Amino acid sequence: MSKNAWLKYEDSQLADITAFSEGYKKFITDCKTERECVRESIILAEKEGFKDLKDYIRDGKALKPGDKVYISNMEKAIALFVIGSRPLEDGLKILGAHIDSPRMDLKQVPLYEDAEMALFDTHYYGGIKKYQWVTLPLAIHGVVVKKDGTVLNIVIGEAEEDPVIGVTDLLIHLSGAQLEKKGAKVIEGEDLNILIGSMPLKGEEKDAVKANILKILKDKYEVEEDDFLSAELEIVPVGKARDYGLDKSMVMGYGQDDRVCSYTSLLAILDVKETDRTCACILVDKEEIGSVGASGMHSKFFENTVAEMLALTGEYSELKVRRALSNSHMLSSDVSAAFDPNYPAVMEKKNAAYFGKGMVFNKYTGSRGKSNSNDANPEFMAKLRKIMEDNQVSIQTAELGKVDEGGGGTIAYIMANYNMEVIDSGVAVLNMHAPWEITSKVDIYETYKGYIAFLKEI
């Protein structure tokens, strides 16, 4: 087993890890949806001199080595590039992560009244244990788009003076039958209804509590009931990311799968000053539901962007697009399951990821017989081993639990379809997909250093 990464740092160096984790905690506190992640990424990128690639495309402005550009896709995904001195067809050095996380979404027609209580109907997003989402303070984040195109950004529940909402649970005194159910059935998906009000609007004869909620939404947020038809409102846990553990060695926060890898990937490319081959960072949506849709990794967004960039360097041809993608190397920046001493039976200890052991490489993910996995080439892994050793990055290798225990996937196999070299790498996480996940600060920092080393040397 590899040495604990904390041990290689002198006391004077620990401040760097602490400072980095403070920026990370702020990011995941402020960015609980894909749109919020994209907005904050643009702010951070522009501070480092990145320009909007859409302006280059609109004006036909040539791209040259050293240019730093970004492009947003529907405000729910983003790609950032530092243009290298070598032609794009020589391939790119890519970090790719996802910025969506498990949650609950409001249905298109969400608001109703029952027993003089107003509730929102939800549809959960991604793989969750539904029973973990009851009796928690929850917030609403997202957008409402009016018929005239006006976009209203909504955040309710995060400010100290804001109310919170939540899903109620059955009292223990009456839950005998409920507790006999299997965990997957203790709370059903259609029962994840959110209590949002109980005060009737005076003068209303029917659904007076619902009417009062609609009045509040109209008066305070300019939202009318029909506007839910063109809204994207996500229900997420309330609160800030926090230091975890008496030694403050860990971070507890919502959405660390996969924003811990998104943040480290983003900061790694913002650190690039000049490069031989073009560096890229892709932060995408929809990974938790199969990377589908226009803002997911299956979209042609990234491929189309590479084509646009080739055109702006005066080198475009369909063949050069294919060469650029095929000659690329990528770290699929995604989290891995950390070994939990409370649940050792699901892990094979020699091939598990551990807190404090550094950046995790998963040669393959998938389930059972490596189903739906990208199984990375050993030649690529060998190159990465040397790079990480030369840059004093602590690494470990892992798989996602015992062979027949379960499994999961990432965006790696999608990019591997272009014939590029891809491997999964990132941070080990406890409580993955729960409302509050836990990571190790030193693992986060080692992963950041590993991403920088990759962009510098691959």
Protein backbone atom coordinates (compact mmCIF):
# COMPACT_ATOMS: atom_id res chain seq x y z
CA MET A 1 0.00 0.00 0.00
CA SER A 2 1.29 3.48 -0.86
CA LYS A 3 2.48 5.89 1.82
CA ASN A 4 0.03 8.35 3.31
CA ALA A 5 0.43 11.61 1.38
CA TRP A 6 0.08 13.79 4.50
CA LEU A 7 3.44 12.49 5.72
CA LYS A 8 5.45 14.02 2.88
CA TYR A 9 4.45 17.58 3.79
CA GLU A 10 6.32 19.69 6.31
CA ASP A 11 4.18 21.74 8.70
CA SER A 12 5.08 24.87 6.75
CA GLN A 13 3.62 23.32 3.56
CA LEU A 14 0.27 22.39 5.05
CA ALA A 15 -0.92 25.97 4.58
CA ASP A 16 -0.97 25.39 0.81
CA ILE A 17 -3.36 22.45 1.23
CA THR A 18 -5.55 24.45 3.59
CA ALA A 19 -5.66 27.45 1.26
CA PHE A 20 -6.56 25.28 -1.71
CA SER A 21 -9.34 23.56 0.21
CA GLU A 22 -10.81 26.93 1.23
CA GLY A 23 -11.20 27.89 -2.43
CA TYR A 24 -12.69 24.51 -3.17
CA LYS A 25 -15.20 24.74 -0.31
CA LYS A 26 -16.34 28.13 -1.57
CA PHE A 27 -16.77 26.74 -5.09
CA ILE A 28 -19.01 23.83 -4.07
CA THR A 29 -20.92 26.04 -1.64
CA ASP A 30 -21.68 28.61 -4.34
CA CYS A 31 -22.10 26.16 -7.24
CA LYS A 32 -24.81 23.59 -6.60
CA THR A 33 -26.12 23.38 -10.16
CA GLU A 34 -24.54 23.04 -13.59
CA ARG A 35 -25.41 26.61 -14.53
CA GLU A 36 -23.85 27.96 -11.35
CA CYS A 37 -20.69 25.96 -12.06
CA VAL A 38 -20.47 27.34 -15.59
CA ARG A 39 -21.02 30.93 -14.43
CA GLU A 40 -18.34 30.66 -11.75
CA SER A 41 -15.93 28.92 -14.15
CA ILE A 42 -16.28 31.83 -16.58
CA ILE A 43 -15.63 34.36 -13.81
CA LEU A 44 -12.48 32.52 -12.72
CA ALA A 45 -11.32 32.01 -16.31
CA GLU A 46 -11.77 35.63 -17.34
CA LYS A 47 -9.70 36.72 -14.33
CA GLU A 48 -6.88 34.63 -15.84
CA GLY A 49 -7.23 36.22 -19.28
CA PHE A 50 -9.50 33.71 -21.01
CA LYS A 51 -11.72 35.10 -23.80
CA ASP A 52 -15.02 33.85 -25.19
CA LEU A 53 -14.37 31.65 -28.22
CA LYS A 54 -17.77 32.64 -29.62
CA ASP A 55 -16.40 36.15 -30.16
CA TYR A 56 -13.54 34.67 -32.21
CA ILE A 57 -16.02 32.63 -34.25
CA ARG A 58 -18.34 35.59 -34.81
CA ASP A 59 -15.55 37.91 -35.88
CA GLY A 60 -13.49 35.31 -37.74
CA LYS A 61 -10.54 36.20 -35.53
CA ALA A 62 -7.54 33.88 -35.89
CA LEU A 63 -6.43 31.71 -32.99
CA LYS A 64 -2.72 31.73 -32.26
CA PRO A 65 -0.41 29.94 -29.82
CA GLY A 66 -0.83 31.23 -26.27
CA ASP A 67 -4.46 32.29 -26.73
CA LYS A 68 -6.72 31.26 -23.86
CA VAL A 69 -10.38 30.75 -24.74
CA TYR A 70 -13.57 29.23 -23.35
CA ILE A 71 -16.94 28.33 -24.82
CA SER A 72 -20.19 27.72 -22.96
CA ASN A 73 -22.72 25.15 -24.17
CA MET A 74 -26.27 26.17 -23.25
CA GLU A 75 -24.88 27.53 -19.95
CA LYS A 76 -24.75 23.95 -18.63
CA ALA A 77 -21.37 22.80 -19.96
CA ILE A 78 -18.12 24.57 -20.75
CA ALA A 79 -14.84 23.89 -22.51
CA LEU A 80 -11.64 25.86 -21.92
CA PHE A 81 -8.50 25.81 -24.10
CA VAL A 82 -4.95 27.08 -23.99
CA ILE A 83 -3.70 27.05 -27.59
CA GLY A 84 -0.38 25.28 -28.05
CA SER A 85 2.57 25.91 -30.33
CA ARG A 86 2.01 22.67 -32.25
CA PRO A 87 -0.82 22.14 -34.77
CA LEU A 88 -4.16 21.04 -33.35
CA GLU A 89 -4.06 17.88 -35.45
CA ASP A 90 -1.18 16.69 -33.23
CA GLY A 91 -3.82 16.18 -30.54
CA LEU A 92 -4.96 17.84 -27.34
CA LYS A 93 -4.23 17.26 -23.67
CA ILE A 94 -7.69 16.99 -22.13
CA LEU A 95 -9.11 17.04 -18.62
CA GLY A 96 -12.80 16.10 -18.61
CA ALA A 97 -15.17 16.15 -15.62
CA HIS A 98 -18.90 16.51 -15.01
CA ILE A 99 -20.69 19.23 -13.09
CA ASP A 100 -24.09 17.59 -12.59
CA SER A 101 -24.85 15.81 -9.30
CA PRO A 102 -27.69 13.66 -7.91
CA ARG A 103 -30.62 15.71 -6.69
CA MET A 104 -34.37 16.19 -7.10
CA ASP A 105 -35.90 18.22 -9.93
CA LEU A 106 -39.30 19.90 -9.85
CA LYS A 107 -41.76 18.34 -12.29
CA GLN A 108 -43.18 20.51 -15.06
CA VAL A 109 -46.45 20.78 -13.15
CA PRO A 110 -45.17 20.62 -9.57
CA LEU A 111 -47.44 22.65 -7.31
CA TYR A 112 -50.48 21.14 -5.59
CA GLU A 113 -52.43 21.26 -2.33
CA ASP A 114 -53.37 18.33 -0.10
CA ALA A 115 -54.84 18.46 3.44
CA GLU A 116 -54.39 22.23 3.42
CA MET A 117 -50.67 21.91 2.77
CA ALA A 118 -48.88 23.08 -0.36
CA LEU A 119 -46.33 20.75 -1.90
CA PHE A 120 -43.98 20.45 -4.85
CA ASP A 121 -43.90 17.22 -6.84
CA THR A 122 -40.38 16.09 -7.81
CA HIS A 123 -38.55 13.64 -10.04
CA TYR A 124 -35.21 12.52 -8.65
CA TYR A 125 -32.14 12.86 -10.87
CA GLY A 126 -29.31 10.33 -10.92
CA GLY A 127 -28.68 7.40 -8.61
CA ILE A 128 -29.77 8.18 -5.07
CA LYS A 129 -30.82 6.35 -1.93
CA LYS A 130 -34.18 8.05 -1.64
CA TYR A 131 -34.43 7.61 2.12
CA GLN A 132 -31.36 9.86 2.56
CA TRP A 133 -33.26 12.86 1.23
CA VAL A 134 -36.04 13.09 3.83
CA THR A 135 -36.10 15.39 6.88
CA LEU A 136 -33.25 17.51 5.49
CA PRO A 137 -33.35 21.28 4.99
CA LEU A 138 -33.47 21.73 1.21
CA ALA A 139 -33.09 24.70 -1.13
CA ILE A 140 -34.29 25.57 -4.62
CA HIS A 141 -31.67 26.52 -7.21
CA GLY A 142 -32.26 27.07 -10.90
CA VAL A 143 -33.85 29.19 -13.56
CA VAL A 144 -37.33 30.17 -14.68
CA VAL A 145 -37.62 31.33 -18.28
CA LYS A 146 -40.57 33.58 -19.06
CA LYS A 147 -42.42 33.46 -22.38
CA ASP A 148 -40.70 36.67 -23.47
CA GLY A 149 -37.29 35.02 -22.95
CA THR A 150 -36.49 36.68 -19.63
CA VAL A 151 -34.40 34.37 -17.45
CA LEU A 152 -34.96 34.54 -13.70
CA ASN A 153 -32.17 33.06 -11.57
CA ILE A 154 -33.69 31.50 -8.47
CA VAL A 155 -31.98 30.60 -5.19
CA ILE A 156 -34.27 30.07 -2.19
CA GLY A 157 -33.03 28.62 1.08
CA GLU A 158 -29.34 29.50 1.23
CA ALA A 159 -29.47 32.96 2.80
CA GLU A 160 -29.79 33.10 6.59
CA GLU A 161 -33.12 34.93 6.31
CA ASP A 162 -34.51 32.51 3.70
CA PRO A 163 -37.00 29.77 4.56
CA VAL A 164 -36.04 26.17 3.86
CA ILE A 165 -38.20 23.35 2.51
CA GLY A 166 -38.03 19.57 2.70
CA VAL A 167 -39.50 16.08 2.41
CA THR A 168 -41.27 14.84 5.53
CA ASP A 169 -40.97 11.32 6.95
CA LEU A 170 -43.24 9.02 8.93
CA LEU A 171 -42.90 9.21 12.69
CA ILE A 172 -41.19 6.23 14.33
CA HIS A 173 -44.32 5.50 16.38
CA LEU A 174 -46.30 4.61 13.24
CA SER A 175 -43.55 3.28 10.98
CA GLY A 176 -43.68 -0.43 11.76
CA ALA A 177 -44.81 -1.41 8.25
CA GLN A 178 -42.44 1.09 6.62
CA LEU A 179 -39.43 -0.35 8.43
CA GLU A 180 -40.25 -3.83 7.12
CA LYS A 181 -39.63 -2.63 3.56
CA LYS A 182 -36.36 -3.03 1.69
CA GLY A 183 -34.17 0.08 1.64
CA ALA A 184 -35.02 0.82 -2.00
CA LYS A 185 -38.72 0.93 -1.10
CA VAL A 186 -38.70 2.69 2.28
CA ILE A 187 -39.29 5.95 0.40
CA GLU A 188 -40.76 5.67 -3.11
CA GLY A 189 -39.84 8.11 -5.87
CA GLU A 190 -43.38 9.46 -6.09
CA ASP A 191 -43.30 10.13 -2.34
CA LEU A 192 -40.45 12.64 -2.60
CA ASN A 193 -42.91 15.49 -2.32
CA ILE A 194 -41.64 18.71 -0.80
CA LEU A 195 -43.65 20.58 1.82
CA ILE A 196 -43.54 24.30 1.00
CA GLY A 197 -46.44 25.94 2.84
CA SER A 198 -49.45 25.67 5.15
CA MET A 199 -50.94 29.19 5.42
CA PRO A 200 -54.17 29.86 3.47
CA LEU A 201 -54.77 33.04 1.51
CA LYS A 202 -57.73 34.84 2.99
CA GLY A 203 -60.74 35.11 0.69
CA GLU A 204 -59.90 31.98 -1.31
CA GLU A 205 -62.45 29.16 -1.13
CA LYS A 206 -60.47 26.43 -2.91
CA ASP A 207 -56.78 25.50 -2.58
CA ALA A 208 -56.19 28.60 -0.46
CA VAL A 209 -52.73 27.46 0.69
CA LYS A 210 -51.62 26.87 -2.90
CA ALA A 211 -53.03 30.28 -3.78
CA ASN A 212 -50.94 31.88 -1.03
CA ILE A 213 -47.77 30.20 -2.34
CA LEU A 214 -48.56 31.44 -5.85
CA LYS A 215 -49.00 34.96 -4.50
CA ILE A 216 -45.60 34.78 -2.75
CA LEU A 217 -43.95 33.46 -5.92
CA LYS A 218 -45.53 36.23 -7.98
CA ASP A 219 -44.82 39.07 -5.55
CA LYS A 220 -41.28 38.10 -4.54
CA TYR A 221 -39.89 36.19 -7.52
CA GLU A 222 -42.11 37.26 -10.48
CA VAL A 223 -42.98 33.60 -11.10
CA GLU A 224 -46.47 32.53 -12.14
CA GLU A 225 -47.81 28.98 -12.14
CA ASP A 226 -47.54 28.54 -15.91
CA ASP A 227 -43.86 29.55 -15.74
CA PHE A 228 -43.01 26.16 -14.23
CA LEU A 229 -43.51 24.77 -17.73
CA SER A 230 -40.29 26.50 -18.81
CA ALA A 231 -38.34 26.22 -15.58
CA GLU A 232 -35.35 24.17 -14.51
CA LEU A 233 -35.45 24.10 -10.73
CA GLU A 234 -33.24 21.75 -8.75
CA ILE A 235 -33.72 20.74 -5.12
CA VAL A 236 -30.42 20.48 -3.26
CA PRO A 237 -29.24 20.37 0.37
CA VAL A 238 -29.02 23.68 2.19
CA GLY A 239 -25.74 24.85 3.59
CA LYS A 240 -22.05 25.45 3.15
CA ALA A 241 -19.28 22.95 2.61
CA ARG A 242 -17.51 22.41 5.93
CA ASP A 243 -14.27 21.10 7.33
CA TYR A 244 -14.86 17.52 8.47
CA GLY A 245 -13.06 15.73 11.31
CA LEU A 246 -11.58 17.09 14.50
CA ASP A 247 -8.30 17.48 12.63
CA LYS A 248 -10.04 19.34 9.77
CA SER A 249 -8.40 16.95 7.32
CA MET A 250 -11.53 16.41 5.23
CA VAL A 251 -14.27 18.32 3.42
CA MET A 252 -17.99 17.63 3.75
CA GLY A 253 -20.20 19.13 1.07
CA TYR A 254 -22.91 18.52 -1.49
CA GLY A 255 -22.08 17.53 -5.07
CA GLN A 256 -18.45 16.53 -4.64
CA ASP A 257 -19.16 13.86 -7.24
CA ASP A 258 -17.95 15.29 -9.51
CA ARG A 259 -17.28 18.91 -8.65
CA VAL A 260 -14.16 17.95 -6.72
CA CYS A 261 -12.64 16.83 -10.04
CA SER A 262 -14.25 19.71 -11.94
CA TYR A 263 -12.68 22.30 -9.64
CA THR A 264 -9.23 20.71 -9.67
CA SER A 265 -9.37 20.32 -13.46
CA LEU A 266 -10.49 23.92 -13.90
CA LEU A 267 -7.75 25.32 -11.70
CA ALA A 268 -5.17 23.14 -13.43
CA ILE A 269 -5.92 24.61 -16.86
CA LEU A 270 -6.10 28.13 -15.42
CA ASP A 271 -2.53 27.52 -14.24
CA VAL A 272 -1.24 26.77 -17.78
CA LYS A 273 0.84 29.63 -19.18
CA GLU A 274 2.19 28.11 -22.39
CA THR A 275 2.09 24.65 -23.89
CA ASP A 276 3.31 22.62 -26.84
CA ARG A 277 0.06 20.81 -27.58
CA THR A 278 -3.24 22.56 -26.92
CA CYS A 279 -4.65 21.96 -23.42
CA ALA A 280 -8.37 21.54 -22.85
CA CYS A 281 -10.71 21.25 -19.88
CA ILE A 282 -14.26 20.04 -20.46
CA LEU A 283 -16.92 20.33 -17.76
CA VAL A 284 -20.11 18.63 -18.88
CA ASP A 285 -23.66 17.94 -17.79
CA LYS A 286 -25.85 14.80 -17.63
CA GLU A 287 -23.16 12.25 -16.63
CA GLU A 288 -25.34 11.00 -13.80
CA ILE A 289 -28.04 9.96 -16.28
CA GLY A 290 -25.85 8.55 -19.05
CA SER A 291 -24.14 11.65 -20.53
CA VAL A 292 -27.08 12.11 -22.89
CA GLY A 293 -28.60 15.28 -24.31
CA ALA A 294 -27.12 18.38 -25.90
CA SER A 295 -25.13 19.31 -22.79
CA GLY A 296 -23.86 15.80 -22.07
CA MET A 297 -20.64 14.18 -23.28
CA HIS A 298 -22.47 12.24 -26.02
CA SER A 299 -23.24 15.62 -27.63
CA LYS A 300 -21.17 16.75 -30.62
CA PHE A 301 -20.38 19.99 -28.76
CA PHE A 302 -16.70 19.22 -28.12
CA GLU A 303 -16.11 17.76 -31.58
CA ASN A 304 -17.77 20.78 -33.21
CA THR A 305 -15.66 23.12 -31.08
CA VAL A 306 -12.45 21.42 -32.21
CA ALA A 307 -13.62 21.87 -35.82
CA GLU A 308 -14.27 25.58 -35.20
CA MET A 309 -10.83 25.99 -33.65
CA LEU A 310 -9.17 24.33 -36.62
CA ALA A 311 -11.02 26.75 -38.88
CA LEU A 312 -9.76 29.69 -36.80
CA THR A 313 -6.18 28.47 -37.15
CA GLY A 314 -6.60 28.17 -40.94
CA GLU A 315 -6.11 24.40 -40.81
CA TYR A 316 -9.63 23.02 -41.10
CA SER A 317 -10.42 19.77 -42.83
CA GLU A 318 -12.57 16.87 -41.71
CA LEU A 319 -9.48 14.67 -41.67
CA LYS A 320 -7.67 17.10 -39.36
CA VAL A 321 -10.62 17.06 -36.95
CA ARG A 322 -10.34 13.27 -36.82
CA ARG A 323 -6.58 13.43 -36.33
CA ALA A 324 -6.85 16.05 -33.58
CA LEU A 325 -9.22 13.86 -31.61
CA SER A 326 -7.46 10.57 -32.28
CA ASN A 327 -4.05 11.97 -31.29
CA SER A 328 -5.36 13.35 -28.00
CA HIS A 329 -4.72 12.14 -24.46
CA MET A 330 -7.34 12.52 -21.76
CA LEU A 331 -7.80 12.14 -18.05
CA SER A 332 -11.46 11.44 -17.40
CA SER A 333 -11.53 13.37 -14.15
CA ASP A 334 -14.04 11.54 -11.99
CA VAL A 335 -14.28 10.35 -8.43
CA SER A 336 -13.73 6.89 -7.04
CA ALA A 337 -15.29 5.12 -4.07
CA ALA A 338 -13.18 5.42 -0.92
CA PHE A 339 -12.70 2.43 1.36
CA ASP A 340 -15.06 2.74 4.33
CA PRO A 341 -14.10 0.71 7.43
CA ASN A 342 -17.80 0.64 8.37
CA TYR A 343 -18.57 -1.30 5.17
CA PRO A 344 -15.47 -3.36 4.31
CA ALA A 345 -17.33 -6.27 2.76
CA VAL A 346 -18.00 -4.52 -0.58
CA MET A 347 -14.33 -3.73 -1.23
CA GLU A 348 -11.32 -5.83 -2.20
CA LYS A 349 -8.68 -4.17 -0.04
CA LYS A 350 -5.69 -4.48 -2.37
CA ASN A 351 -7.61 -2.70 -5.14
CA ALA A 352 -9.52 -0.08 -3.18
CA ALA A 353 -8.98 3.67 -2.91
CA TYR A 354 -8.09 5.09 0.50
CA PHE A 355 -8.24 8.54 2.05
CA GLY A 356 -4.81 10.13 2.26
CA LYS A 357 -3.19 8.02 -0.45
CA GLY A 358 -3.45 10.66 -3.17
CA MET A 359 -4.83 10.80 -6.68
CA VAL A 360 -6.74 7.68 -7.81
CA PHE A 361 -6.34 6.02 -11.20
CA ASN A 362 -9.04 3.60 -12.35
CA LYS A 363 -7.79 1.58 -15.31
CA TYR A 364 -11.37 0.45 -15.79
CA THR A 365 -14.76 1.09 -14.22
CA GLY A 366 -17.95 -0.60 -15.42
CA SER A 367 -19.71 -3.39 -13.57
CA ARG A 368 -19.19 -7.12 -13.15
CA GLY A 369 -17.30 -8.17 -16.32
CA LYS A 370 -16.10 -4.56 -16.93
CA SER A 371 -19.41 -3.88 -18.71
CA ASN A 372 -19.63 -0.42 -20.34
CA SER A 373 -16.07 0.35 -19.28
CA ASN A 374 -13.16 2.11 -20.85
CA ASP A 375 -10.25 -0.23 -20.07
CA ALA A 376 -7.18 1.98 -20.47
CA ASN A 377 -4.01 0.80 -22.21
CA PRO A 378 -1.05 -0.16 -19.99
CA GLU A 379 1.28 1.92 -22.17
CA PHE A 380 -0.72 5.02 -21.28
CA MET A 381 -0.73 4.07 -17.61
CA ALA A 382 3.03 3.61 -17.69
CA LYS A 383 3.51 7.14 -19.08
CA LEU A 384 1.29 8.54 -16.36
CA ARG A 385 3.14 6.66 -13.63
CA LYS A 386 6.40 8.25 -14.72
CA ILE A 387 4.90 11.73 -14.99
CA MET A 388 3.42 11.51 -11.51
CA GLU A 389 6.63 10.13 -10.03
CA ASP A 390 8.73 12.84 -11.68
CA ASN A 391 6.39 15.49 -10.27
CA GLN A 392 6.17 13.91 -6.80
CA VAL A 393 2.42 13.33 -7.04
CA SER A 394 1.08 10.64 -4.71
CA ILE A 395 -1.08 8.18 -6.64
CA GLN A 396 -3.02 5.00 -6.00
CA THR A 397 -5.00 2.62 -8.21
CA ALA A 398 -8.45 1.25 -7.52
CA GLU A 399 -11.57 -0.36 -8.88
CA LEU A 400 -15.15 0.39 -7.87
CA GLY A 401 -15.76 -2.35 -5.33
CA LYS A 402 -15.60 -6.11 -5.58
CA VAL A 403 -16.06 -7.65 -9.00
CA ASP A 404 -19.72 -8.68 -8.66
CA GLU A 405 -20.72 -6.11 -6.05
CA GLY A 406 -21.89 -3.35 -8.40
CA GLY A 407 -20.08 -0.76 -10.44
CA GLY A 408 -20.51 2.44 -12.38
CA GLY A 409 -19.38 4.41 -15.40
CA THR A 410 -17.89 7.73 -16.43
CA ILE A 411 -17.43 9.78 -19.61
CA ALA A 412 -14.17 7.95 -20.40
CA TYR A 413 -15.59 5.42 -22.88
CA ILE A 414 -17.33 8.18 -24.85
CA MET A 415 -14.11 10.05 -25.58
CA ALA A 416 -12.28 6.77 -26.18
CA ASN A 417 -14.63 6.31 -29.15
CA TYR A 418 -12.46 8.89 -30.92
CA ASN A 419 -9.52 6.48 -30.52
CA MET A 420 -7.75 8.73 -28.05
CA GLU A 421 -5.94 7.46 -24.95
CA VAL A 422 -8.23 7.87 -21.90
CA ILE A 423 -8.10 6.82 -18.26
CA ASP A 424 -10.23 7.68 -15.24
CA SER A 425 -8.53 9.60 -12.48
CA GLY A 426 -9.65 11.69 -9.55
CA VAL A 427 -10.46 11.85 -5.85
CA ALA A 428 -11.76 9.13 -3.53
CA VAL A 429 -15.14 9.97 -1.95
CA LEU A 430 -17.10 8.66 1.02
CA ASN A 431 -20.92 8.85 1.06
CA MET A 432 -20.92 9.07 -2.74
CA HIS A 433 -24.31 10.24 -4.11
CA ALA A 434 -25.57 11.07 -0.62
CA PRO A 435 -26.68 14.65 0.11
CA TRP A 436 -23.41 15.23 2.00
CA GLU A 437 -20.23 13.64 0.64
CA ILE A 438 -16.75 13.53 2.22
CA THR A 439 -13.29 13.90 0.67
CA SER A 440 -9.72 14.18 1.95
CA LYS A 441 -8.04 17.57 1.58
CA VAL A 442 -4.66 16.06 0.76
CA ASP A 443 -6.21 13.86 -1.96
CA ILE A 444 -7.83 16.94 -3.50
CA TYR A 445 -4.51 18.77 -3.51
CA GLU A 446 -2.58 15.80 -4.93
CA THR A 447 -5.16 15.47 -7.70
CA TYR A 448 -4.80 19.14 -8.58
CA LYS A 449 -1.02 18.68 -8.75
CA GLY A 450 -1.51 15.55 -10.85
CA TYR A 451 -3.69 17.37 -13.37
CA ILE A 452 -1.10 20.13 -13.68
CA ALA A 453 1.63 17.54 -14.25
CA PHE A 454 -0.46 15.83 -16.94
CA LEU A 455 -1.09 19.06 -18.85
CA LYS A 456 2.58 19.96 -18.60
CA GLU A 457 4.21 16.70 -19.62
CA ILE A 458 1.99 14.23 -21.47
